[in-house]
Amino acid sequence: MNKLIWVVIFCVSAFVAMAQEKANYDEDVQSEDNIIAALYGSISGDKGIKRDWDRFRNLFTPDALLVPSGKNQEGKMGYRIMTAEDYITNSGKWLEENGFHEVEIHRKTETYGSLVHIWTTYESYQSKAETEPFARGINSIQLMNDGDRWWIMQIYWLGESKDLPLPAQYLPK
């Protein structure tokens, strides 16, 4: 009988813990501000800090795209298409081994019904203690609200370069 009580207590505790975790994820998708903060927050952390990839996955539709772009080795503009899972596989280890903090410094939002397009300018640091970013760029993020929550449909980004500085309209005033 004691075994059965402990099994029930364990199962209830696990269910409560999962429900609390899910509630935290639910808050992430209740507003445009929350989902953008959760996006930056889920990929950011100091060196050696594991990321909450379940939180990251929760932000995206199952078929969402992540599209980094930039000049390739031949100097020609190129891009790569990834799923959220591809991003975790390709970048997760590097983020954790090197430290990475992506910080939003400016945002421009355009909305039509459930279609939202956010231009969010970022700076990247390896630790919170740094004062100069090692990279900057713009994330073009498409969101959808299905009536219950916000979803990231696509992120398409381009890093700043000496040949392509960030335009003034996408920088803090």
N, C-alpha and C. Protein backbone atom coordinates (compact mmCIF):
# COMPACT_ATOMS: atom_id res chain seq x y z
N MET A 1 0.82 -1.20 0.00
CA MET A 1 0.00 0.00 0.00
C MET A 1 0.87 1.26 0.00
N ASN A 2 1.97 1.24 0.80
CA ASN A 2 2.86 2.40 0.84
C ASN A 2 3.43 2.71 -0.53
N LYS A 3 3.76 1.64 -1.29
CA LYS A 3 4.29 1.82 -2.64
C LYS A 3 3.27 2.57 -3.51
N LEU A 4 2.03 2.18 -3.43
CA LEU A 4 0.98 2.80 -4.23
C LEU A 4 0.83 4.28 -3.88
N ILE A 5 0.89 4.61 -2.63
CA ILE A 5 0.79 6.01 -2.20
C ILE A 5 1.94 6.82 -2.78
N TRP A 6 3.17 6.26 -2.72
CA TRP A 6 4.34 6.97 -3.25
C TRP A 6 4.24 7.14 -4.76
N VAL A 7 3.72 6.13 -5.45
CA VAL A 7 3.55 6.23 -6.90
C VAL A 7 2.54 7.33 -7.22
N VAL A 8 1.44 7.38 -6.50
CA VAL A 8 0.42 8.41 -6.72
C VAL A 8 1.00 9.80 -6.43
N ILE A 9 1.72 9.93 -5.33
CA ILE A 9 2.34 11.22 -4.98
C ILE A 9 3.31 11.65 -6.07
N PHE A 10 4.14 10.71 -6.54
CA PHE A 10 5.10 11.02 -7.60
C PHE A 10 4.38 11.49 -8.87
N CYS A 11 3.34 10.76 -9.27
CA CYS A 11 2.61 11.10 -10.50
C CYS A 11 1.95 12.47 -10.39
N VAL A 12 1.32 12.73 -9.26
CA VAL A 12 0.68 14.03 -9.05
C VAL A 12 1.73 15.14 -9.06
N SER A 13 2.86 14.93 -8.40
CA SER A 13 3.93 15.93 -8.37
C SER A 13 4.46 16.20 -9.77
N ALA A 14 4.66 15.15 -10.55
CA ALA A 14 5.16 15.31 -11.92
C ALA A 14 4.14 16.08 -12.75
N PHE A 15 2.86 15.75 -12.61
CA PHE A 15 1.82 16.46 -13.35
C PHE A 15 1.77 17.94 -12.98
N VAL A 16 1.85 18.25 -11.71
CA VAL A 16 1.85 19.64 -11.24
C VAL A 16 3.06 20.38 -11.78
N ALA A 17 4.22 19.75 -11.75
CA ALA A 17 5.44 20.38 -12.28
C ALA A 17 5.31 20.66 -13.76
N MET A 18 4.77 19.70 -14.52
CA MET A 18 4.60 19.91 -15.97
C MET A 18 3.58 21.01 -16.22
N ALA A 19 2.50 21.04 -15.44
CA ALA A 19 1.48 22.07 -15.61
C ALA A 19 2.04 23.45 -15.31
N GLN A 20 2.88 23.56 -14.27
CA GLN A 20 3.50 24.85 -13.95
C GLN A 20 4.43 25.27 -15.06
N GLU A 21 5.23 24.34 -15.60
CA GLU A 21 6.14 24.66 -16.69
C GLU A 21 5.36 25.10 -17.92
N LYS A 22 4.30 24.40 -18.25
CA LYS A 22 3.47 24.75 -19.39
C LYS A 22 2.84 26.12 -19.19
N ALA A 23 2.42 26.42 -17.97
CA ALA A 23 1.84 27.74 -17.68
C ALA A 23 2.86 28.83 -17.97
N ASN A 24 4.14 28.60 -17.64
CA ASN A 24 5.17 29.56 -17.95
C ASN A 24 5.30 29.75 -19.45
N TYR A 25 5.23 28.65 -20.20
CA TYR A 25 5.28 28.74 -21.65
C TYR A 25 4.04 29.43 -22.20
N ASP A 26 2.90 29.20 -21.58
CA ASP A 26 1.67 29.84 -22.03
C ASP A 26 1.78 31.35 -21.94
N GLU A 27 2.39 31.86 -20.89
CA GLU A 27 2.57 33.31 -20.73
C GLU A 27 3.43 33.88 -21.86
N ASP A 28 4.39 33.08 -22.34
CA ASP A 28 5.28 33.51 -23.41
C ASP A 28 4.54 33.87 -24.70
N VAL A 29 3.38 33.28 -24.91
CA VAL A 29 2.71 33.43 -26.20
C VAL A 29 1.40 34.23 -26.10
N GLN A 30 1.23 34.99 -25.02
CA GLN A 30 0.00 35.75 -24.82
C GLN A 30 0.03 37.15 -25.41
N SER A 31 1.20 37.63 -25.83
CA SER A 31 1.28 38.96 -26.46
C SER A 31 2.47 39.00 -27.39
N GLU A 32 2.48 39.98 -28.27
CA GLU A 32 3.63 40.18 -29.17
C GLU A 32 4.89 40.43 -28.35
N ASP A 33 4.79 41.29 -27.35
CA ASP A 33 5.96 41.59 -26.52
C ASP A 33 6.49 40.33 -25.83
N ASN A 34 5.58 39.51 -25.30
CA ASN A 34 6.01 38.31 -24.59
C ASN A 34 6.71 37.31 -25.50
N ILE A 35 6.18 37.11 -26.72
CA ILE A 35 6.77 36.10 -27.59
C ILE A 35 8.14 36.54 -28.08
N ILE A 36 8.31 37.85 -28.33
CA ILE A 36 9.63 38.34 -28.74
C ILE A 36 10.62 38.24 -27.58
N ALA A 37 10.19 38.60 -26.38
CA ALA A 37 11.06 38.47 -25.20
C ALA A 37 11.42 37.00 -24.96
N ALA A 38 10.47 36.09 -25.15
CA ALA A 38 10.74 34.66 -24.96
C ALA A 38 11.70 34.14 -26.03
N LEU A 39 11.57 34.64 -27.25
CA LEU A 39 12.50 34.23 -28.31
C LEU A 39 13.93 34.61 -27.94
N TYR A 40 14.15 35.89 -27.63
CA TYR A 40 15.48 36.33 -27.26
C TYR A 40 15.95 35.63 -25.97
N GLY A 41 15.05 35.49 -25.02
CA GLY A 41 15.41 34.87 -23.75
C GLY A 41 15.78 33.40 -23.87
N SER A 42 15.11 32.69 -24.77
CA SER A 42 15.35 31.24 -24.87
C SER A 42 16.68 30.91 -25.54
N ILE A 43 17.22 31.79 -26.36
CA ILE A 43 18.51 31.51 -27.00
C ILE A 43 19.68 32.15 -26.25
N SER A 44 19.38 33.02 -25.30
CA SER A 44 20.42 33.78 -24.60
C SER A 44 20.83 33.11 -23.30
N GLY A 45 22.12 33.24 -22.99
CA GLY A 45 22.64 32.72 -21.73
C GLY A 45 24.15 32.78 -21.73
N ASP A 46 24.71 32.76 -20.55
CA ASP A 46 26.16 32.78 -20.41
C ASP A 46 26.76 31.44 -20.84
N LYS A 47 28.07 31.44 -21.00
CA LYS A 47 28.82 30.25 -21.34
C LYS A 47 28.53 29.16 -20.31
N GLY A 48 28.25 27.95 -20.79
CA GLY A 48 28.01 26.81 -19.91
C GLY A 48 26.57 26.68 -19.43
N ILE A 49 25.71 27.62 -19.79
CA ILE A 49 24.31 27.58 -19.36
C ILE A 49 23.46 26.88 -20.42
N LYS A 50 22.78 25.81 -20.01
CA LYS A 50 21.89 25.09 -20.93
C LYS A 50 20.69 25.97 -21.26
N ARG A 51 20.26 25.91 -22.49
CA ARG A 51 19.09 26.65 -22.93
C ARG A 51 17.83 25.81 -22.72
N ASP A 52 16.70 26.49 -22.58
CA ASP A 52 15.42 25.80 -22.43
C ASP A 52 14.83 25.62 -23.83
N TRP A 53 15.26 24.55 -24.48
CA TRP A 53 14.84 24.33 -25.87
C TRP A 53 13.36 23.99 -25.99
N ASP A 54 12.74 23.45 -24.95
CA ASP A 54 11.29 23.22 -25.00
C ASP A 54 10.55 24.56 -25.06
N ARG A 55 11.04 25.53 -24.33
CA ARG A 55 10.45 26.88 -24.38
C ARG A 55 10.60 27.44 -25.79
N PHE A 56 11.77 27.31 -26.39
CA PHE A 56 12.03 27.77 -27.75
C PHE A 56 11.06 27.10 -28.73
N ARG A 57 10.96 25.77 -28.67
CA ARG A 57 10.08 25.03 -29.59
C ARG A 57 8.63 25.50 -29.48
N ASN A 58 8.20 25.83 -28.27
CA ASN A 58 6.82 26.22 -28.03
C ASN A 58 6.43 27.52 -28.75
N LEU A 59 7.39 28.30 -29.16
CA LEU A 59 7.10 29.59 -29.79
C LEU A 59 6.69 29.47 -31.25
N PHE A 60 7.05 28.37 -31.89
CA PHE A 60 6.93 28.22 -33.34
C PHE A 60 5.79 27.30 -33.76
N THR A 61 5.21 27.60 -34.94
CA THR A 61 4.32 26.63 -35.57
C THR A 61 5.19 25.44 -35.98
N PRO A 62 4.59 24.27 -36.14
CA PRO A 62 5.39 23.09 -36.50
C PRO A 62 6.18 23.25 -37.80
N ASP A 63 5.69 24.04 -38.72
CA ASP A 63 6.38 24.20 -40.01
C ASP A 63 7.02 25.58 -40.17
N ALA A 64 7.28 26.26 -39.06
CA ALA A 64 7.92 27.58 -39.10
C ALA A 64 9.33 27.48 -39.69
N LEU A 65 9.76 28.58 -40.29
CA LEU A 65 11.08 28.64 -40.91
C LEU A 65 11.98 29.63 -40.20
N LEU A 66 13.25 29.30 -40.09
CA LEU A 66 14.28 30.21 -39.61
C LEU A 66 15.27 30.34 -40.77
N VAL A 67 15.50 31.59 -41.21
CA VAL A 67 16.25 31.81 -42.44
C VAL A 67 17.36 32.83 -42.21
N PRO A 68 18.57 32.35 -41.86
CA PRO A 68 19.70 33.27 -41.80
C PRO A 68 20.17 33.59 -43.21
N SER A 69 20.62 34.82 -43.40
CA SER A 69 21.12 35.21 -44.72
C SER A 69 22.40 36.02 -44.55
N GLY A 70 23.15 36.10 -45.61
CA GLY A 70 24.39 36.86 -45.61
C GLY A 70 25.22 36.47 -46.81
N LYS A 71 26.35 37.11 -46.94
CA LYS A 71 27.22 36.83 -48.07
C LYS A 71 27.95 35.51 -47.84
N ASN A 72 28.03 34.71 -48.91
CA ASN A 72 28.75 33.44 -48.82
C ASN A 72 30.23 33.67 -49.14
N GLN A 73 30.99 32.59 -49.26
CA GLN A 73 32.44 32.70 -49.48
C GLN A 73 32.78 33.37 -50.81
N GLU A 74 31.88 33.30 -51.77
CA GLU A 74 32.12 33.94 -53.06
C GLU A 74 31.68 35.41 -53.05
N GLY A 75 31.17 35.89 -51.90
CA GLY A 75 30.72 37.27 -51.80
C GLY A 75 29.32 37.50 -52.34
N LYS A 76 28.62 36.43 -52.63
CA LYS A 76 27.25 36.52 -53.16
C LYS A 76 26.26 36.30 -52.02
N MET A 77 25.15 37.03 -52.04
CA MET A 77 24.14 36.90 -51.00
C MET A 77 23.52 35.51 -51.06
N GLY A 78 23.42 34.88 -49.90
CA GLY A 78 22.84 33.55 -49.81
C GLY A 78 21.97 33.43 -48.58
N TYR A 79 21.38 32.28 -48.40
CA TYR A 79 20.51 32.01 -47.26
C TYR A 79 20.50 30.52 -46.97
N ARG A 80 19.99 30.20 -45.81
CA ARG A 80 19.82 28.81 -45.39
C ARG A 80 18.45 28.71 -44.75
N ILE A 81 17.72 27.65 -45.00
CA ILE A 81 16.39 27.45 -44.42
C ILE A 81 16.46 26.34 -43.39
N MET A 82 15.95 26.66 -42.18
CA MET A 82 15.96 25.69 -41.08
C MET A 82 14.60 25.64 -40.41
N THR A 83 14.35 24.54 -39.74
CA THR A 83 13.23 24.45 -38.81
C THR A 83 13.75 24.86 -37.44
N ALA A 84 12.87 25.00 -36.49
CA ALA A 84 13.30 25.28 -35.11
C ALA A 84 14.22 24.17 -34.62
N GLU A 85 13.90 22.94 -34.96
CA GLU A 85 14.72 21.80 -34.54
C GLU A 85 16.10 21.85 -35.19
N ASP A 86 16.15 22.24 -36.46
CA ASP A 86 17.45 22.40 -37.14
C ASP A 86 18.30 23.45 -36.43
N TYR A 87 17.67 24.55 -36.03
CA TYR A 87 18.40 25.62 -35.35
C TYR A 87 19.01 25.09 -34.05
N ILE A 88 18.22 24.34 -33.29
CA ILE A 88 18.71 23.77 -32.03
C ILE A 88 19.90 22.84 -32.31
N THR A 89 19.76 21.98 -33.31
CA THR A 89 20.82 21.04 -33.66
C THR A 89 22.08 21.76 -34.14
N ASN A 90 21.91 22.77 -34.98
CA ASN A 90 23.06 23.46 -35.59
C ASN A 90 23.71 24.50 -34.69
N SER A 91 22.93 25.16 -33.83
CA SER A 91 23.45 26.29 -33.06
C SER A 91 23.46 26.07 -31.56
N GLY A 92 22.66 25.16 -31.06
CA GLY A 92 22.50 24.99 -29.62
C GLY A 92 23.80 24.77 -28.87
N LYS A 93 24.62 23.87 -29.37
CA LYS A 93 25.88 23.55 -28.69
C LYS A 93 26.80 24.78 -28.68
N TRP A 94 26.90 25.48 -29.80
CA TRP A 94 27.76 26.66 -29.88
C TRP A 94 27.30 27.74 -28.90
N LEU A 95 25.98 27.98 -28.84
CA LEU A 95 25.44 29.00 -27.93
C LEU A 95 25.85 28.69 -26.49
N GLU A 96 25.74 27.43 -26.11
CA GLU A 96 26.04 27.03 -24.74
C GLU A 96 27.54 27.00 -24.45
N GLU A 97 28.34 26.63 -25.43
CA GLU A 97 29.79 26.56 -25.22
C GLU A 97 30.46 27.93 -25.22
N ASN A 98 29.89 28.89 -25.92
CA ASN A 98 30.54 30.19 -26.09
C ASN A 98 29.87 31.33 -25.32
N GLY A 99 28.66 31.13 -24.90
CA GLY A 99 27.89 32.22 -24.32
C GLY A 99 27.32 33.08 -25.44
N PHE A 100 26.08 33.46 -25.29
CA PHE A 100 25.43 34.25 -26.34
C PHE A 100 24.22 34.95 -25.72
N HIS A 101 24.19 36.24 -25.89
CA HIS A 101 23.04 37.04 -25.46
C HIS A 101 22.62 37.90 -26.64
N GLU A 102 21.40 37.69 -27.11
CA GLU A 102 20.89 38.55 -28.16
C GLU A 102 19.90 39.51 -27.50
N VAL A 103 20.12 40.81 -27.73
CA VAL A 103 19.37 41.85 -27.05
C VAL A 103 18.68 42.73 -28.09
N GLU A 104 17.39 42.89 -27.95
CA GLU A 104 16.64 43.78 -28.85
C GLU A 104 16.95 45.23 -28.48
N ILE A 105 17.29 46.04 -29.51
CA ILE A 105 17.57 47.46 -29.26
C ILE A 105 16.57 48.39 -29.94
N HIS A 106 15.77 47.84 -30.85
CA HIS A 106 14.76 48.65 -31.54
C HIS A 106 13.74 47.72 -32.18
N ARG A 107 12.51 48.20 -32.30
CA ARG A 107 11.45 47.39 -32.92
C ARG A 107 10.51 48.27 -33.73
N LYS A 108 10.12 47.75 -34.88
CA LYS A 108 9.08 48.37 -35.72
C LYS A 108 8.08 47.27 -36.04
N THR A 109 6.80 47.52 -35.76
CA THR A 109 5.76 46.51 -35.93
C THR A 109 4.70 47.01 -36.91
N GLU A 110 4.31 46.13 -37.81
CA GLU A 110 3.22 46.40 -38.73
C GLU A 110 2.21 45.27 -38.61
N THR A 111 0.92 45.64 -38.55
CA THR A 111 -0.13 44.65 -38.28
C THR A 111 -1.27 44.78 -39.28
N TYR A 112 -1.75 43.65 -39.73
CA TYR A 112 -2.97 43.57 -40.53
C TYR A 112 -3.71 42.33 -40.07
N GLY A 113 -4.79 42.53 -39.30
CA GLY A 113 -5.54 41.41 -38.77
C GLY A 113 -4.65 40.52 -37.91
N SER A 114 -4.62 39.22 -38.22
CA SER A 114 -3.80 38.29 -37.46
C SER A 114 -2.35 38.23 -37.95
N LEU A 115 -2.06 38.99 -39.01
CA LEU A 115 -0.72 39.00 -39.60
C LEU A 115 0.09 40.14 -38.99
N VAL A 116 1.21 39.79 -38.36
CA VAL A 116 2.07 40.79 -37.73
C VAL A 116 3.49 40.60 -38.23
N HIS A 117 4.08 41.71 -38.67
CA HIS A 117 5.47 41.70 -39.11
C HIS A 117 6.27 42.60 -38.17
N ILE A 118 7.30 42.03 -37.58
CA ILE A 118 8.14 42.78 -36.64
C ILE A 118 9.56 42.84 -37.18
N TRP A 119 10.07 44.06 -37.30
CA TRP A 119 11.49 44.29 -37.58
C TRP A 119 12.12 44.55 -36.23
N THR A 120 12.96 43.65 -35.77
CA THR A 120 13.57 43.81 -34.47
C THR A 120 15.10 43.83 -34.63
N THR A 121 15.68 44.96 -34.28
CA THR A 121 17.13 45.13 -34.38
C THR A 121 17.76 44.56 -33.12
N TYR A 122 18.84 43.81 -33.32
CA TYR A 122 19.49 43.14 -32.18
C TYR A 122 20.97 43.47 -32.11
N GLU A 123 21.48 43.29 -30.91
CA GLU A 123 22.92 43.27 -30.67
C GLU A 123 23.23 41.94 -29.99
N SER A 124 24.41 41.40 -30.29
CA SER A 124 24.82 40.11 -29.73
C SER A 124 26.06 40.27 -28.87
N TYR A 125 26.03 39.64 -27.71
CA TYR A 125 27.14 39.65 -26.75
C TYR A 125 27.40 38.22 -26.32
N GLN A 126 28.63 37.93 -25.89
CA GLN A 126 28.92 36.60 -25.36
C GLN A 126 28.62 36.52 -23.87
N SER A 127 28.61 37.67 -23.19
CA SER A 127 28.22 37.68 -21.78
C SER A 127 27.52 39.01 -21.48
N LYS A 128 26.76 39.02 -20.40
CA LYS A 128 26.05 40.24 -20.00
C LYS A 128 27.01 41.34 -19.58
N ALA A 129 28.23 40.97 -19.20
CA ALA A 129 29.21 41.95 -18.72
C ALA A 129 29.81 42.77 -19.86
N GLU A 130 29.71 42.29 -21.10
CA GLU A 130 30.29 43.01 -22.23
C GLU A 130 29.52 44.30 -22.51
N THR A 131 30.24 45.31 -22.94
CA THR A 131 29.60 46.60 -23.27
C THR A 131 29.56 46.85 -24.77
N GLU A 132 30.37 46.14 -25.54
CA GLU A 132 30.37 46.28 -27.00
C GLU A 132 29.90 44.98 -27.63
N PRO A 133 28.89 45.05 -28.50
CA PRO A 133 28.41 43.82 -29.15
C PRO A 133 29.43 43.29 -30.15
N PHE A 134 29.45 41.97 -30.32
CA PHE A 134 30.31 41.38 -31.35
C PHE A 134 29.58 41.30 -32.68
N ALA A 135 28.26 41.50 -32.66
CA ALA A 135 27.47 41.47 -33.89
C ALA A 135 26.18 42.25 -33.67
N ARG A 136 25.63 42.75 -34.78
CA ARG A 136 24.32 43.39 -34.78
C ARG A 136 23.62 42.99 -36.07
N GLY A 137 22.32 43.16 -36.09
CA GLY A 137 21.57 42.85 -37.30
C GLY A 137 20.09 43.09 -37.09
N ILE A 138 19.33 42.60 -38.06
CA ILE A 138 17.87 42.76 -38.00
C ILE A 138 17.21 41.40 -38.20
N ASN A 139 16.27 41.09 -37.32
CA ASN A 139 15.40 39.93 -37.46
C ASN A 139 14.08 40.41 -38.05
N SER A 140 13.66 39.83 -39.14
CA SER A 140 12.34 40.06 -39.72
C SER A 140 11.48 38.89 -39.27
N ILE A 141 10.54 39.16 -38.36
CA ILE A 141 9.76 38.09 -37.74
C ILE A 141 8.30 38.22 -38.13
N GLN A 142 7.73 37.13 -38.62
CA GLN A 142 6.31 37.09 -38.93
C GLN A 142 5.60 36.29 -37.84
N LEU A 143 4.58 36.94 -37.26
CA LEU A 143 3.78 36.31 -36.20
C LEU A 143 2.36 36.11 -36.69
N MET A 144 1.68 35.16 -36.06
CA MET A 144 0.26 34.95 -36.28
C MET A 144 -0.41 34.73 -34.93
N ASN A 145 -1.59 35.31 -34.79
CA ASN A 145 -2.41 35.03 -33.62
C ASN A 145 -3.59 34.22 -34.09
N ASP A 146 -3.75 33.01 -33.53
CA ASP A 146 -4.83 32.12 -33.95
C ASP A 146 -6.10 32.29 -33.11
N GLY A 147 -6.13 33.34 -32.29
CA GLY A 147 -7.27 33.57 -31.40
C GLY A 147 -7.01 33.08 -29.99
N ASP A 148 -6.07 32.16 -29.84
CA ASP A 148 -5.71 31.62 -28.53
C ASP A 148 -4.32 32.05 -28.08
N ARG A 149 -3.43 32.24 -29.05
CA ARG A 149 -2.04 32.53 -28.70
C ARG A 149 -1.31 33.07 -29.93
N TRP A 150 -0.10 33.55 -29.68
CA TRP A 150 0.78 34.01 -30.75
C TRP A 150 1.70 32.88 -31.17
N TRP A 151 2.04 32.84 -32.45
CA TRP A 151 2.96 31.86 -33.02
C TRP A 151 3.99 32.58 -33.88
N ILE A 152 5.22 32.11 -33.85
CA ILE A 152 6.21 32.57 -34.82
C ILE A 152 6.07 31.70 -36.06
N MET A 153 5.84 32.37 -37.20
CA MET A 153 5.71 31.67 -38.48
C MET A 153 7.05 31.59 -39.19
N GLN A 154 7.83 32.70 -39.05
CA GLN A 154 9.12 32.75 -39.75
C GLN A 154 10.01 33.81 -39.12
N ILE A 155 11.31 33.53 -39.11
CA ILE A 155 12.32 34.53 -38.77
C ILE A 155 13.33 34.52 -39.91
N TYR A 156 13.53 35.69 -40.48
CA TYR A 156 14.49 35.86 -41.58
C TYR A 156 15.43 36.95 -41.11
N TRP A 157 16.74 36.67 -41.04
CA TRP A 157 17.63 37.67 -40.47
C TRP A 157 18.87 37.90 -41.31
N LEU A 158 19.42 39.10 -41.10
CA LEU A 158 20.62 39.52 -41.79
C LEU A 158 21.48 40.30 -40.82
N GLY A 159 22.72 39.91 -40.70
CA GLY A 159 23.66 40.60 -39.82
C GLY A 159 24.23 41.84 -40.49
N GLU A 160 24.57 42.80 -39.65
CA GLU A 160 25.20 44.02 -40.13
C GLU A 160 26.62 43.71 -40.60
N SER A 161 27.09 44.44 -41.60
CA SER A 161 28.47 44.32 -42.06
C SER A 161 28.99 45.72 -42.38
N LYS A 162 30.28 45.83 -42.61
CA LYS A 162 30.84 47.15 -42.96
C LYS A 162 30.25 47.64 -44.27
N ASP A 163 29.91 46.72 -45.18
CA ASP A 163 29.30 47.09 -46.45
C ASP A 163 27.81 47.38 -46.33
N LEU A 164 27.21 46.91 -45.25
CA LEU A 164 25.77 47.08 -45.05
C LEU A 164 25.49 47.45 -43.60
N PRO A 165 25.72 48.74 -43.24
CA PRO A 165 25.44 49.17 -41.87
C PRO A 165 23.93 49.23 -41.63
N LEU A 166 23.55 49.15 -40.35
CA LEU A 166 22.13 49.22 -40.01
C LEU A 166 21.57 50.61 -40.35
N PRO A 167 20.41 50.67 -41.01
CA PRO A 167 19.80 51.97 -41.32
C PRO A 167 19.32 52.67 -40.06
N ALA A 168 19.38 54.00 -40.08
CA ALA A 168 19.00 54.81 -38.92
C ALA A 168 17.59 54.51 -38.43
N GLN A 169 16.66 54.22 -39.35
CA GLN A 169 15.27 53.98 -38.94
C GLN A 169 15.10 52.69 -38.13
N TYR A 170 16.12 51.84 -38.10
CA TYR A 170 16.05 50.62 -37.32
C TYR A 170 16.97 50.64 -36.10
N LEU A 171 17.37 51.83 -35.71
CA LEU A 171 18.21 52.02 -34.53
C LEU A 171 17.47 52.87 -33.50
N PRO A 172 17.82 52.72 -32.23
CA PRO A 172 17.17 53.56 -31.20
C PRO A 172 17.42 55.04 -31.50
N LYS A 173 16.45 55.84 -31.18
CA LYS A 173 16.56 57.29 -31.40
C LYS A 173 17.30 57.95 -30.26
